[in-house]
PDB file of N, CA and C in Angstrom:
ATOM      1  N   MET A   1     -71.225 -77.188 124.606  1.00  0.00           N
ATOM      2  CA  MET A   1     -69.927 -76.555 124.772  1.00  0.00           C
ATOM      3  C   MET A   1     -69.363 -76.234 123.387  1.00  0.00           C
ATOM      4  N   LYS A   2     -68.848 -75.052 123.236  1.00  0.00           N
ATOM      5  CA  LYS A   2     -68.283 -74.606 121.970  1.00  0.00           C
ATOM      6  C   LYS A   2     -66.915 -75.265 121.756  1.00  0.00           C
ATOM      7  N   GLU A   3     -66.699 -75.736 120.516  1.00  0.00           N
ATOM      8  CA  GLU A   3     -65.431 -76.372 120.160  1.00  0.00           C
ATOM      9  C   GLU A   3     -64.311 -75.342 120.111  1.00  0.00           C
ATOM     10  N   ILE A   4     -63.191 -75.632 120.791  1.00  0.00           N
ATOM     11  CA  ILE A   4     -62.049 -74.734 120.826  1.00  0.00           C
ATOM     12  C   ILE A   4     -60.972 -75.191 119.849  1.00  0.00           C
ATOM     13  N   PHE A   5     -60.794 -76.489 119.769  1.00  0.00           N
ATOM     14  CA  PHE A   5     -59.660 -77.049 119.044  1.00  0.00           C
ATOM     15  C   PHE A   5     -60.128 -78.328 118.350  1.00  0.00           C
ATOM     16  N   ASN A   6     -60.038 -78.395 117.031  1.00  0.00           N
ATOM     17  CA  ASN A   6     -60.473 -79.574 116.288  1.00  0.00           C
ATOM     18  C   ASN A   6     -59.249 -80.309 115.764  1.00  0.00           C
ATOM     19  N   LEU A   7     -58.921 -81.407 116.391  1.00  0.00           N
ATOM     20  CA  LEU A   7     -57.732 -82.185 116.037  1.00  0.00           C
ATOM     21  C   LEU A   7     -57.808 -82.733 114.612  1.00  0.00           C
ATOM     22  N   GLU A   8     -59.011 -83.018 114.128  1.00  0.00           N
ATOM     23  CA  GLU A   8     -59.160 -83.550 112.771  1.00  0.00           C
ATOM     24  C   GLU A   8     -58.811 -82.512 111.703  1.00  0.00           C
ATOM     25  N   LYS A   9     -58.993 -81.243 112.010  1.00  0.00           N
ATOM     26  CA  LYS A   9     -58.765 -80.192 111.012  1.00  0.00           C
ATOM     27  C   LYS A   9     -57.435 -79.472 111.165  1.00  0.00           C
ATOM     28  N   ILE A  10     -56.788 -79.632 112.311  1.00  0.00           N
ATOM     29  CA  ILE A  10     -55.544 -78.906 112.565  1.00  0.00           C
ATOM     30  C   ILE A  10     -54.491 -79.266 111.523  1.00  0.00           C
ATOM     31  N   ALA A  11     -53.690 -78.303 111.149  1.00  0.00           N
ATOM     32  CA  ALA A  11     -52.617 -78.478 110.159  1.00  0.00           C
ATOM     33  C   ALA A  11     -53.149 -79.059 108.852  1.00  0.00           C
ATOM     34  N   GLY A  12     -54.319 -78.586 108.466  1.00  0.00           N
ATOM     35  CA  GLY A  12     -54.898 -79.008 107.195  1.00  0.00           C
ATOM     36  C   GLY A  12     -55.258 -80.485 107.153  1.00  0.00           C
ATOM     37  N   GLY A  13     -55.530 -81.083 108.294  1.00  0.00           N
ATOM     38  CA  GLY A  13     -55.906 -82.496 108.350  1.00  0.00           C
ATOM     39  C   GLY A  13     -54.722 -83.452 108.387  1.00  0.00           C
ATOM     40  N   THR A  14     -53.517 -82.897 108.458  1.00  0.00           N
ATOM     41  CA  THR A  14     -52.311 -83.731 108.452  1.00  0.00           C
ATOM     42  C   THR A  14     -52.270 -84.678 109.643  1.00  0.00           C
ATOM     43  N   VAL A  15     -52.656 -84.207 110.807  1.00  0.00           N
ATOM     44  CA  VAL A  15     -52.625 -85.055 112.002  1.00  0.00           C
ATOM     45  C   VAL A  15     -53.524 -86.276 111.797  1.00  0.00           C
ATOM     46  N   ASN A  16     -54.705 -86.048 111.271  1.00  0.00           N
ATOM     47  CA  ASN A  16     -55.638 -87.136 111.027  1.00  0.00           C
ATOM     48  C   ASN A  16     -55.046 -88.162 110.054  1.00  0.00           C
ATOM     49  N   ARG A  17     -54.400 -87.681 108.999  1.00  0.00           N
ATOM     50  CA  ARG A  17     -53.771 -88.580 108.026  1.00  0.00           C
ATOM     51  C   ARG A  17     -52.635 -89.374 108.664  1.00  0.00           C
ATOM     52  N   VAL A  18     -51.809 -88.706 109.474  1.00  0.00           N
ATOM     53  CA  VAL A  18     -50.691 -89.384 110.125  1.00  0.00           C
ATOM     54  C   VAL A  18     -51.210 -90.445 111.101  1.00  0.00           C
ATOM     55  N   VAL A  19     -52.242 -90.119 111.859  1.00  0.00           N
ATOM     56  CA  VAL A  19     -52.829 -91.098 112.790  1.00  0.00           C
ATOM     57  C   VAL A  19     -53.329 -92.316 112.010  1.00  0.00           C
ATOM     58  N   ASN A  20     -53.965 -92.098 110.882  1.00  0.00           N
ATOM     59  CA  ASN A  20     -54.460 -93.217 110.084  1.00  0.00           C
ATOM     60  C   ASN A  20     -53.323 -94.085 109.551  1.00  0.00           C
ATOM     61  N   VAL A  21     -52.230 -93.472 109.099  1.00  0.00           N
ATOM     62  CA  VAL A  21     -51.070 -94.229 108.606  1.00  0.00           C
ATOM     63  C   VAL A  21     -50.455 -95.051 109.735  1.00  0.00           C
ATOM     64  N   LYS A  22     -50.280 -94.421 110.896  1.00  0.00           N
ATOM     65  CA  LYS A  22     -49.685 -95.122 112.036  1.00  0.00           C
ATOM     66  C   LYS A  22     -50.605 -96.247 112.527  1.00  0.00           C
ATOM     67  N   MET A  23     -51.910 -96.022 112.503  1.00  0.00           N
ATOM     68  CA  MET A  23     -52.857 -97.053 112.918  1.00  0.00           C
ATOM     69  C   MET A  23     -52.808 -98.241 111.959  1.00  0.00           C
ATOM     70  N   LYS A  24     -52.636 -97.968 110.678  1.00  0.00           N
ATOM     71  CA  LYS A  24     -52.504 -99.043 109.693  1.00  0.00           C
ATOM     72  C   LYS A  24     -51.271 -99.896 110.006  1.00  0.00           C
ATOM     73  N   ARG A  25     -50.147 -99.240 110.319  1.00  0.00           N
ATOM     74  CA  ARG A  25     -48.922 -99.968 110.686  1.00  0.00           C
ATOM     75  C   ARG A  25     -49.137-100.802 111.948  1.00  0.00           C
ATOM     76  N   LEU A  26     -49.869-100.253 112.906  1.00  0.00           N
ATOM     77  CA  LEU A  26     -50.156-100.967 114.138  1.00  0.00           C
ATOM     78  C   LEU A  26     -50.981-102.224 113.846  1.00  0.00           C
ATOM     79  N   ILE A  27     -51.997-102.100 113.016  1.00  0.00           N
ATOM     80  CA  ILE A  27     -52.838-103.247 112.655  1.00  0.00           C
ATOM     81  C   ILE A  27     -52.019-104.281 111.884  1.00  0.00           C
ATOM     82  N   GLU A  28     -51.151-103.826 110.967  1.00  0.00           N
ATOM     83  CA  GLU A  28     -50.282-104.752 110.232  1.00  0.00           C
ATOM     84  C   GLU A  28     -49.367-105.501 111.192  1.00  0.00           C
ATOM     85  N   ASN A  29     -48.884-104.824 112.237  1.00  0.00           N
ATOM     86  CA  ASN A  29     -48.029-105.459 113.230  1.00  0.00           C
ATOM     87  C   ASN A  29     -48.804-106.525 114.008  1.00  0.00           C
ATOM     88  N   ILE A  30     -50.055-106.261 114.303  1.00  0.00           N
ATOM     89  CA  ILE A  30     -50.890-107.255 114.979  1.00  0.00           C
ATOM     90  C   ILE A  30     -51.055-108.488 114.103  1.00  0.00           C
ATOM     91  N   MET A  31     -51.212-108.297 112.803  1.00  0.00           N
ATOM     92  CA  MET A  31     -51.437-109.408 111.878  1.00  0.00           C
ATOM     93  C   MET A  31     -50.153-110.146 111.496  1.00  0.00           C
ATOM     94  N   ASP A  32     -48.998-109.602 111.840  1.00  0.00           N
ATOM     95  CA  ASP A  32     -47.709-110.215 111.512  1.00  0.00           C
ATOM     96  C   ASP A  32     -47.487-111.423 112.418  1.00  0.00           C
ATOM     97  N   THR A  33     -47.468-112.625 111.832  1.00  0.00           N
ATOM     98  CA  THR A  33     -47.342-113.853 112.623  1.00  0.00           C
ATOM     99  C   THR A  33     -45.955-114.028 113.229  1.00  0.00           C
ATOM    100  N   SER A  34     -45.005-113.183 112.868  1.00  0.00           N
ATOM    101  CA  SER A  34     -43.676-113.283 113.493  1.00  0.00           C
ATOM    102  C   SER A  34     -43.597-112.478 114.792  1.00  0.00           C
ATOM    103  N   THR A  35     -44.711-111.869 115.207  1.00  0.00           N
ATOM    104  CA  THR A  35     -44.754-111.136 116.480  1.00  0.00           C
ATOM    105  C   THR A  35     -45.636-111.891 117.474  1.00  0.00           C
ATOM    106  N   GLU A  36     -45.469-111.576 118.742  1.00  0.00           N
ATOM    107  CA  GLU A  36     -46.309-112.178 119.782  1.00  0.00           C
ATOM    108  C   GLU A  36     -47.726-111.606 119.658  1.00  0.00           C
ATOM    109  N   ALA A  37     -48.698-112.477 119.585  1.00  0.00           N
ATOM    110  CA  ALA A  37     -50.079-112.045 119.341  1.00  0.00           C
ATOM    111  C   ALA A  37     -50.676-111.253 120.502  1.00  0.00           C
ATOM    112  N   LEU A  38     -50.416-111.648 121.725  1.00  0.00           N
ATOM    113  CA  LEU A  38     -51.134-111.091 122.871  1.00  0.00           C
ATOM    114  C   LEU A  38     -50.476-109.867 123.501  1.00  0.00           C
ATOM    115  N   ARG A  39     -49.351-109.443 122.973  1.00  0.00           N
ATOM    116  CA  ARG A  39     -48.685-108.252 123.534  1.00  0.00           C
ATOM    117  C   ARG A  39     -49.407-106.988 123.063  1.00  0.00           C
ATOM    118  N   PRO A  40     -49.533-105.992 123.940  1.00  0.00           N
ATOM    119  CA  PRO A  40     -50.218-104.756 123.544  1.00  0.00           C
ATOM    120  C   PRO A  40     -49.377-103.903 122.600  1.00  0.00           C
ATOM    121  N   ARG A  41     -50.052-103.174 121.746  1.00  0.00           N
ATOM    122  CA  ARG A  41     -49.438-102.168 120.883  1.00  0.00           C
ATOM    123  C   ARG A  41     -50.042-100.823 121.283  1.00  0.00           C
ATOM    124  N   LYS A  42     -49.314 -99.737 121.007  1.00  0.00           N
ATOM    125  CA  LYS A  42     -49.814 -98.416 121.398  1.00  0.00           C
ATOM    126  C   LYS A  42     -49.694 -97.427 120.249  1.00  0.00           C
ATOM    127  N   LEU A  43     -50.672 -96.555 120.150  1.00  0.00           N
ATOM    128  CA  LEU A  43     -50.618 -95.387 119.287  1.00  0.00           C
ATOM    129  C   LEU A  43     -50.681 -94.196 120.231  1.00  0.00           C
ATOM    130  N   ILE A  44     -49.640 -93.370 120.204  1.00  0.00           N
ATOM    131  CA  ILE A  44     -49.504 -92.288 121.175  1.00  0.00           C
ATOM    132  C   ILE A  44     -49.501 -90.947 120.445  1.00  0.00           C
ATOM    133  N   VAL A  45     -50.434 -90.099 120.803  1.00  0.00           N
ATOM    134  CA  VAL A  45     -50.484 -88.743 120.244  1.00  0.00           C
ATOM    135  C   VAL A  45     -50.121 -87.786 121.377  1.00  0.00           C
ATOM    136  N   THR A  46     -49.025 -87.053 121.189  1.00  0.00           N
ATOM    137  CA  THR A  46     -48.581 -86.088 122.189  1.00  0.00           C
ATOM    138  C   THR A  46     -48.754 -84.692 121.611  1.00  0.00           C
ATOM    139  N   ILE A  47     -49.502 -83.878 122.319  1.00  0.00           N
ATOM    140  CA  ILE A  47     -49.727 -82.491 121.893  1.00  0.00           C
ATOM    141  C   ILE A  47     -49.014 -81.582 122.888  1.00  0.00           C
ATOM    142  N   THR A  48     -48.046 -80.818 122.381  1.00  0.00           N
ATOM    143  CA  THR A  48     -47.287 -79.895 123.213  1.00  0.00           C
ATOM    144  C   THR A  48     -47.669 -78.473 122.807  1.00  0.00           C
ATOM    145  N   VAL A  49     -48.113 -77.690 123.778  1.00  0.00           N
ATOM    146  CA  VAL A  49     -48.534 -76.310 123.524  1.00  0.00           C
ATOM    147  C   VAL A  49     -47.605 -75.385 124.302  1.00  0.00           C
ATOM    148  N   ILE A  50     -46.951 -74.467 123.571  1.00  0.00           N
ATOM    149  CA  ILE A  50     -46.013 -73.543 124.187  1.00  0.00           C
ATOM    150  C   ILE A  50     -46.515 -72.117 123.927  1.00  0.00           C
ATOM    151  N   PRO A  51     -47.100 -71.482 124.958  1.00  0.00           N
ATOM    152  CA  PRO A  51     -47.632 -70.129 124.776  1.00  0.00           C
ATOM    153  C   PRO A  51     -46.519 -69.079 124.771  1.00  0.00           C
ATOM    154  N   ASN A  52     -46.818 -67.927 124.146  1.00  0.00           N
ATOM    155  CA  ASN A  52     -45.859 -66.820 124.230  1.00  0.00           C
ATOM    156  C   ASN A  52     -46.038 -66.111 125.570  1.00  0.00           C
ATOM    157  N   ASP A  53     -45.189 -65.119 125.816  1.00  0.00           N
ATOM    158  CA  ASP A  53     -45.178 -64.495 127.140  1.00  0.00           C
ATOM    159  C   ASP A  53     -46.420 -63.665 127.451  1.00  0.00           C
ATOM    160  N   VAL A  54     -47.168 -63.228 126.458  1.00  0.00           N
ATOM    161  CA  VAL A  54     -48.389 -62.468 126.737  1.00  0.00           C
ATOM    162  C   VAL A  54     -49.651 -63.318 126.554  1.00  0.00           C
ATOM    163  N   ARG A  55     -49.456 -64.602 126.298  1.00  0.00           N
ATOM    164  CA  ARG A  55     -50.540 -65.588 126.214  1.00  0.00           C
ATOM    165  C   ARG A  55     -51.539 -65.313 125.101  1.00  0.00           C
ATOM    166  N   GLU A  56     -51.051 -64.705 124.026  1.00  0.00           N
ATOM    167  CA  GLU A  56     -51.928 -64.420 122.893  1.00  0.00           C
ATOM    168  C   GLU A  56     -51.707 -65.388 121.734  1.00  0.00           C
ATOM    169  N   GLU A  57     -50.616 -66.102 121.758  1.00  0.00           N
ATOM    170  CA  GLU A  57     -50.263 -67.068 120.717  1.00  0.00           C
ATOM    171  C   GLU A  57     -49.622 -68.266 121.386  1.00  0.00           C
ATOM    172  N   ALA A  58     -49.651 -69.372 120.659  1.00  0.00           N
ATOM    173  CA  ALA A  58     -48.960 -70.562 121.166  1.00  0.00           C
ATOM    174  C   ALA A  58     -48.482 -71.395 119.993  1.00  0.00           C
ATOM    175  N   SER A  59     -47.328 -71.974 120.163  1.00  0.00           N
ATOM    176  CA  SER A  59     -46.838 -72.949 119.202  1.00  0.00           C
ATOM    177  C   SER A  59     -47.396 -74.304 119.615  1.00  0.00           C
ATOM    178  N   VAL A  60     -47.854 -75.079 118.630  1.00  0.00           N
ATOM    179  CA  VAL A  60     -48.420 -76.394 118.907  1.00  0.00           C
ATOM    180  C   VAL A  60     -47.625 -77.431 118.125  1.00  0.00           C
ATOM    181  N   ASP A  61     -47.050 -78.380 118.839  1.00  0.00           N
ATOM    182  CA  ASP A  61     -46.345 -79.503 118.214  1.00  0.00           C
ATOM    183  C   ASP A  61     -47.154 -80.757 118.496  1.00  0.00           C
ATOM    184  N   ILE A  62     -47.417 -81.516 117.437  1.00  0.00           N
ATOM    185  CA  ILE A  62     -48.168 -82.760 117.584  1.00  0.00           C
ATOM    186  C   ILE A  62     -47.289 -83.892 117.088  1.00  0.00           C
ATOM    187  N   ASP A  63     -47.035 -84.835 117.974  1.00  0.00           N
ATOM    188  CA  ASP A  63     -46.171 -85.972 117.663  1.00  0.00           C
ATOM    189  C   ASP A  63     -47.010 -87.243 117.743  1.00  0.00           C
ATOM    190  N   VAL A  64     -46.969 -88.040 116.680  1.00  0.00           N
ATOM    191  CA  VAL A  64     -47.718 -89.293 116.637  1.00  0.00           C
ATOM    192  C   VAL A  64     -46.710 -90.433 116.547  1.00  0.00           C
ATOM    193  N   GLN A  65     -46.723 -91.298 117.539  1.00  0.00           N
ATOM    194  CA  GLN A  65     -45.784 -92.419 117.596  1.00  0.00           C
ATOM    195  C   GLN A  65     -46.543 -93.722 117.812  1.00  0.00           C
ATOM    196  N   THR A  66     -45.893 -94.816 117.455  1.00  0.00           N
ATOM    197  CA  THR A  66     -46.438 -96.131 117.754  1.00  0.00           C
ATOM    198  C   THR A  66     -45.410 -96.925 118.549  1.00  0.00           C
ATOM    199  N   LYS A  67     -45.903 -97.808 119.361  1.00  0.00           N
ATOM    200  CA  LYS A  67     -45.065 -98.798 120.035  1.00  0.00           C
ATOM    201  C   LYS A  67     -45.584-100.148 119.578  1.00  0.00           C
ATOM    202  N   LEU A  68     -44.788-100.775 118.719  1.00  0.00           N
ATOM    203  CA  LEU A  68     -45.188-102.030 118.105  1.00  0.00           C
ATOM    204  C   LEU A  68     -44.424-103.188 118.721  1.00  0.00           C
ATOM    205  N   GLU A  69     -44.902-104.374 118.489  1.00  0.00           N
ATOM    206  CA  GLU A  69     -44.240-105.578 118.963  1.00  0.00           C
ATOM    207  C   GLU A  69     -43.153-105.957 117.971  1.00  0.00           C
ATOM    208  N   LYS A  70     -41.963-106.218 118.475  1.00  0.00           N
ATOM    209  CA  LYS A  70     -40.869-106.606 117.589  1.00  0.00           C
ATOM    210  C   LYS A  70     -41.040-108.073 117.189  1.00  0.00           C
ATOM    211  N   PRO A  71     -40.473-108.456 116.047  1.00  0.00           N
ATOM    212  CA  PRO A  71     -40.567-109.857 115.638  1.00  0.00           C
ATOM    213  C   PRO A  71     -39.906-110.777 116.658  1.00  0.00           C
ATOM    214  N   LYS A  72     -40.418-112.005 116.723  1.00  0.00           N
ATOM    215  CA  LYS A  72     -39.853-113.012 117.624  1.00  0.00           C
ATOM    216  C   LYS A  72     -38.423-113.322 117.200  1.00  0.00           C
ATOM    217  N   THR A  73     -37.609-113.702 118.163  1.00  0.00           N
ATOM    218  CA  THR A  73     -36.247-114.133 117.878  1.00  0.00           C
ATOM    219  C   THR A  73     -36.294-115.465 117.145  1.00  0.00           C
ATOM    220  N   ILE A  74     -35.502-115.585 116.106  1.00  0.00           N
ATOM    221  CA  ILE A  74     -35.417-116.818 115.330  1.00  0.00           C
ATOM    222  C   ILE A  74     -34.151-117.532 115.765  1.00  0.00           C
ATOM    223  N   SER A  75     -34.292-118.778 116.196  1.00  0.00           N
ATOM    224  CA  SER A  75     -33.141-119.531 116.693  1.00  0.00           C
ATOM    225  C   SER A  75     -32.882-120.752 115.829  1.00  0.00           C
ATOM    226  N   THR A  76     -31.625-121.101 115.707  1.00  0.00           N
ATOM    227  CA  THR A  76     -31.211-122.313 115.025  1.00  0.00           C
ATOM    228  C   THR A  76     -29.865-122.726 115.600  1.00  0.00           C
ATOM    229  N   LYS A  77     -29.324-123.831 115.153  1.00  0.00           N
ATOM    230  CA  LYS A  77     -27.995-124.270 115.579  1.00  0.00           C
ATOM    231  C   LYS A  77     -27.144-124.498 114.337  1.00  0.00           C
ATOM    232  N   ILE A  78     -25.841-124.231 114.481  1.00  0.00           N
ATOM    233  CA  ILE A  78     -24.910-124.487 113.393  1.00  0.00           C
ATOM    234  C   ILE A  78     -23.769-125.358 113.893  1.00  0.00           C
ATOM    235  N   ALA A  79     -23.240-126.175 112.980  1.00  0.00           N
ATOM    236  CA  ALA A  79     -22.033-126.951 113.264  1.00  0.00           C
ATOM    237  C   ALA A  79     -20.874-126.185 112.645  1.00  0.00           C
ATOM    238  N   ILE A  80     -19.793-126.039 113.387  1.00  0.00           N
ATOM    239  CA  ILE A  80     -18.633-125.282 112.926  1.00  0.00           C
ATOM    240  C   ILE A  80     -17.432-126.220 112.891  1.00  0.00           C
ATOM    241  N   LYS A  81     -16.685-126.183 111.778  1.00  0.00           N
ATOM    242  CA  LYS A  81     -15.501-127.039 111.654  1.00  0.00           C
ATOM    243  C   LYS A  81     -14.537-126.420 110.660  1.00  0.00           C
ATOM    244  N   LYS A  82     -13.347-126.990 110.587  1.00  0.00           N
ATOM    245  CA  LYS A  82     -12.370-126.600 109.569  1.00  0.00           C
ATOM    246  C   LYS A  82     -12.327-127.703 108.528  1.00  0.00           C
ATOM    247  N   ASP A  83     -12.228-127.307 107.249  1.00  0.00           N
ATOM    248  CA  ASP A  83     -12.130-128.316 106.194  1.00  0.00           C
ATOM    249  C   ASP A  83     -10.676-128.757 106.035  1.00  0.00           C
ATOM    250  N   MET A  84     -10.394-129.583 105.021  1.00  0.00           N
ATOM    251  CA  MET A  84      -9.057-130.155 104.804  1.00  0.00           C
ATOM    252  C   MET A  84      -7.988-129.078 104.577  1.00  0.00           C
ATOM    253  N   ASP A  85      -8.413-127.900 104.063  1.00  0.00           N
ATOM    254  CA  ASP A  85      -7.484-126.810 103.807  1.00  0.00           C
ATOM    255  C   ASP A  85      -7.365-125.845 104.984  1.00  0.00           C
ATOM    256  N   GLY A  86      -8.042-126.150 106.080  1.00  0.00           N
ATOM    257  CA  GLY A  86      -7.985-125.288 107.258  1.00  0.00           C
ATOM    258  C   GLY A  86      -8.972-124.138 107.220  1.00  0.00           C
ATOM    259  N   GLU A  87      -9.843-124.092 106.195  1.00  0.00           N
ATOM    260  CA  GLU A  87     -10.857-123.040 106.092  1.00  0.00           C
ATOM    261  C   GLU A  87     -12.020-123.365 107.035  1.00  0.00           C
ATOM    262  N   ILE A  88     -12.540-122.349 107.685  1.00  0.00           N
ATOM    263  CA  ILE A  88     -13.660-122.529 108.606  1.00  0.00           C
ATOM    264  C   ILE A  88     -14.955-122.661 107.813  1.00  0.00           C
ATOM    265  N   GLN A  89     -15.789-123.612 108.220  1.00  0.00           N
ATOM    266  CA  GLN A  89     -17.094-123.820 107.604  1.00  0.00           C
ATOM    267  C   GLN A  89     -18.153-123.834 108.697  1.00  0.00           C
ATOM    268  N   ALA A  90     -19.323-123.337 108.384  1.00  0.00           N
ATOM    269  CA  ALA A  90     -20.467-123.388 109.296  1.00  0.00           C
ATOM    270  C   ALA A  90     -21.661-123.902 108.507  1.00  0.00           C
ATOM    271  N   THR A  91     -22.350-124.871 109.073  1.00  0.00           N
ATOM    272  CA  THR A  91     -23.502-125.468 108.425  1.00  0.00           C
ATOM    273  C   THR A  91     -24.638-125.561 109.435  1.00  0.00           C
ATOM    274  N   GLU A  92     -25.826-125.179 109.011  1.00  0.00           N
ATOM    275  CA  GLU A  92     -26.977-125.266 109.903  1.00  0.00           C
ATOM    276  C   GLU A  92     -27.316-126.729 110.169  1.00  0.00           C
ATOM    277  N   LEU A  93     -27.584-127.027 111.434  1.00  0.00           N
ATOM    278  CA  LEU A  93     -28.033-128.366 111.815  1.00  0.00           C
ATOM    279  C   LEU A  93     -29.546-128.388 111.646  1.00  0.00           C
ATOM    280  N   THR A  94     -30.015-129.210 110.727  1.00  0.00           N
ATOM    281  CA  THR A  94     -31.446-129.190 110.430  1.00  0.00           C
ATOM    282  C   THR A  94     -32.205-130.334 111.065  1.00  0.00           C
ATOM    283  N   ASN A  95     -31.515-131.279 111.720  1.00  0.00           N
ATOM    284  CA  ASN A  95     -32.280-132.351 112.354  1.00  0.00           C
ATOM    285  C   ASN A  95     -33.079-131.788 113.522  1.00  0.00           C
ATOM    286  N   GLU A  96     -34.057-132.530 113.948  1.00  0.00           N
ATOM    287  CA  GLU A  96     -35.013-132.031 114.938  1.00  0.00           C
ATOM    288  C   GLU A  96     -34.363-131.540 116.226  1.00  0.00           C
ATOM    289  N   ASN A  97     -33.342-132.228 116.701  1.00  0.00           N
ATOM    290  CA  ASN A  97     -32.703-131.846 117.956  1.00  0.00           C
ATOM    291  C   ASN A  97     -31.481-130.960 117.754  1.00  0.00           C
ATOM    292  N   GLY A  98     -31.057-130.768 116.500  1.00  0.00           N
ATOM    293  CA  GLY A  98     -29.885-129.946 116.243  1.00  0.00           C
ATOM    294  C   GLY A  98     -28.625-130.535 116.831  1.00  0.00           C
ATOM    295  N   VAL A  99     -28.454-131.849 116.700  1.00  0.00           N
ATOM    296  CA  VAL A  99     -27.288-132.519 117.266  1.00  0.00           C
ATOM    297  C   VAL A  99     -26.323-132.866 116.150  1.00  0.00           C
ATOM    298  N   LYS A 100     -25.090-132.420 116.280  1.00  0.00           N
ATOM    299  CA  LYS A 100     -24.070-132.661 115.269  1.00  0.00           C
ATOM    300  C   LYS A 100     -23.840-134.166 115.097  1.00  0.00           C
ATOM    301  N   GLY A 101     -23.826-134.597 113.825  1.00  0.00           N
ATOM    302  CA  GLY A 101     -23.543-135.983 113.497  1.00  0.00           C
ATOM    303  C   GLY A 101     -24.740-136.918 113.572  1.00  0.00           C
ATOM    304  N   GLN A 102     -25.863-136.431 114.048  1.00  0.00           N
ATOM    305  CA  GLN A 102     -27.041-137.289 114.195  1.00  0.00           C
ATOM    306  C   GLN A 102     -27.797-137.358 112.874  1.00  0.00           C
ATOM    307  N   ILE A 103     -28.217-138.566 112.490  1.00  0.00           N
ATOM    308  CA  ILE A 103     -29.044-138.710 111.289  1.00  0.00           C
ATOM    309  C   ILE A 103     -30.503-138.775 111.716  1.00  0.00           C
ATOM    310  N   TYR A 104     -31.385-138.506 110.756  1.00  0.00           N
ATOM    311  CA  TYR A 104     -32.808-138.514 111.071  1.00  0.00           C
ATOM    312  C   TYR A 104     -33.596-138.807 109.809  1.00  0.00           C
ATOM    313  N   ILE A 105     -34.882-139.071 109.967  1.00  0.00           N
ATOM    314  CA  ILE A 105     -35.776-139.300 108.836  1.00  0.00           C
ATOM    315  C   ILE A 105     -36.619-138.040 108.666  1.00  0.00           C
ATOM    316  N   ASN A 106     -36.566-137.449 107.463  1.00  0.00           N
ATOM    317  CA  ASN A 106     -37.315-136.213 107.232  1.00  0.00           C
ATOM    318  C   ASN A 106     -38.788-136.519 106.941  1.00  0.00           C
ATOM    319  N   ASP A 107     -39.567-135.477 106.692  1.00  0.00           N
ATOM    320  CA  ASP A 107     -41.007-135.625 106.458  1.00  0.00           C
ATOM    321  C   ASP A 107     -41.330-136.442 105.211  1.00  0.00           C
ATOM    322  N   ASP A 108     -40.384-136.518 104.270  1.00  0.00           N
ATOM    323  CA  ASP A 108     -40.604-137.301 103.049  1.00  0.00           C
ATOM    324  C   ASP A 108     -40.172-138.757 103.217  1.00  0.00           C
ATOM    325  N   GLY A 109     -39.647-139.117 104.402  1.00  0.00           N
ATOM    326  CA  GLY A 109     -39.221-140.481 104.654  1.00  0.00           C
ATOM    327  C   GLY A 109     -37.775-140.756 104.268  1.00  0.00           C
ATOM    328  N   ASP A 110     -37.028-139.713 103.861  1.00  0.00           N
ATOM    329  CA  ASP A 110     -35.630-139.892 103.490  1.00  0.00           C
ATOM    330  C   ASP A 110     -34.751-139.872 104.738  1.00  0.00           C
ATOM    331  N   ILE A 111     -33.678-140.674 104.720  1.00  0.00           N
ATOM    332  CA  ILE A 111     -32.687-140.633 105.797  1.00  0.00           C
ATOM    333  C   ILE A 111     -31.720-139.510 105.461  1.00  0.00           C
ATOM    334  N   CYS A 112     -31.544-138.582 106.399  1.00  0.00           N
ATOM    335  CA  CYS A 112     -30.738-137.386 106.152  1.00  0.00           C
ATOM    336  C   CYS A 112     -29.657-137.223 107.219  1.00  0.00           C
ATOM    337  N   ASP A 113     -28.578-136.508 106.817  1.00  0.00           N
ATOM    338  CA  ASP A 113     -27.543-136.191 107.792  1.00  0.00           C
ATOM    339  C   ASP A 113     -27.946-134.957 108.588  1.00  0.00           C
ATOM    340  N   ASP A 114     -27.065-134.499 109.468  1.00  0.00           N
ATOM    341  CA  ASP A 114     -27.390-133.377 110.349  1.00  0.00           C
ATOM    342  C   ASP A 114     -27.587-132.051 109.631  1.00  0.00           C
ATOM    343  N   ARG A 115     -27.221-131.993 108.336  1.00  0.00           N
ATOM    344  CA  ARG A 115     -27.426-130.774 107.552  1.00  0.00           C
ATOM    345  C   ARG A 115     -28.667-130.838 106.683  1.00  0.00           C
ATOM    346  N   GLY A 116     -29.413-131.954 106.773  1.00  0.00           N
ATOM    347  CA  GLY A 116     -30.644-132.088 105.999  1.00  0.00           C
ATOM    348  C   GLY A 116     -30.439-132.698 104.634  1.00  0.00           C
ATOM    349  N   GLU A 117     -29.209-133.140 104.332  1.00  0.00           N
ATOM    350  CA  GLU A 117     -28.937-133.733 103.026  1.00  0.00           C
ATOM    351  C   GLU A 117     -29.217-135.225 103.079  1.00  0.00           C
ATOM    352  N   ALA A 118     -29.927-135.737 102.047  1.00  0.00           N
ATOM    353  CA  ALA A 118     -30.284-137.154 101.997  1.00  0.00           C
ATOM    354  C   ALA A 118     -29.026-138.010 101.901  1.00  0.00           C
ATOM    355  N   ILE A 119     -29.042-139.109 102.645  1.00  0.00           N
ATOM    356  CA  ILE A 119     -27.946-140.062 102.624  1.00  0.00           C
ATOM    357  C   ILE A 119     -28.348-141.196 101.681  1.00  0.00           C
ATOM    358  N   HIS A 120     -27.551-141.377 100.651  1.00  0.00           N
ATOM    359  CA  HIS A 120     -27.832-142.432  99.679  1.00  0.00           C
ATOM    360  C   HIS A 120     -26.865-143.579  99.922  1.00  0.00           C
ATOM    361  N   GLY A 121     -27.401-144.759 100.088  1.00  0.00           N
ATOM    362  CA  GLY A 121     -26.499-145.851 100.426  1.00  0.00           C
ATOM    363  C   GLY A 121     -26.622-146.957  99.525  1.00  0.00           C
TER     364      GLY A 121
END
């Protein structure tokens, strides 16, 4: 069968270059540990052909898109309070359960408060 349309050569090879760039981004997204590993990613090439009224010419639009996995949601807990001057303060709770006022022993064996600061006694 005779070749009618060569996608690799169309627009001076631009489509091929764009597909390669988008595929690289897709692979980088797969390797990103902040995304879900098993979710599918997509590379979508849409070719739209709009012929003229006598069917002797056509405009061709080629759109290359990706559907990537978004990063996982990062969750933490904060303790919120007012200080002696009435100013609002927020501090991340770094203990394992994220419980305000709870002390814990960190990986280095230090006793720490709920903000992760070592308690010296």
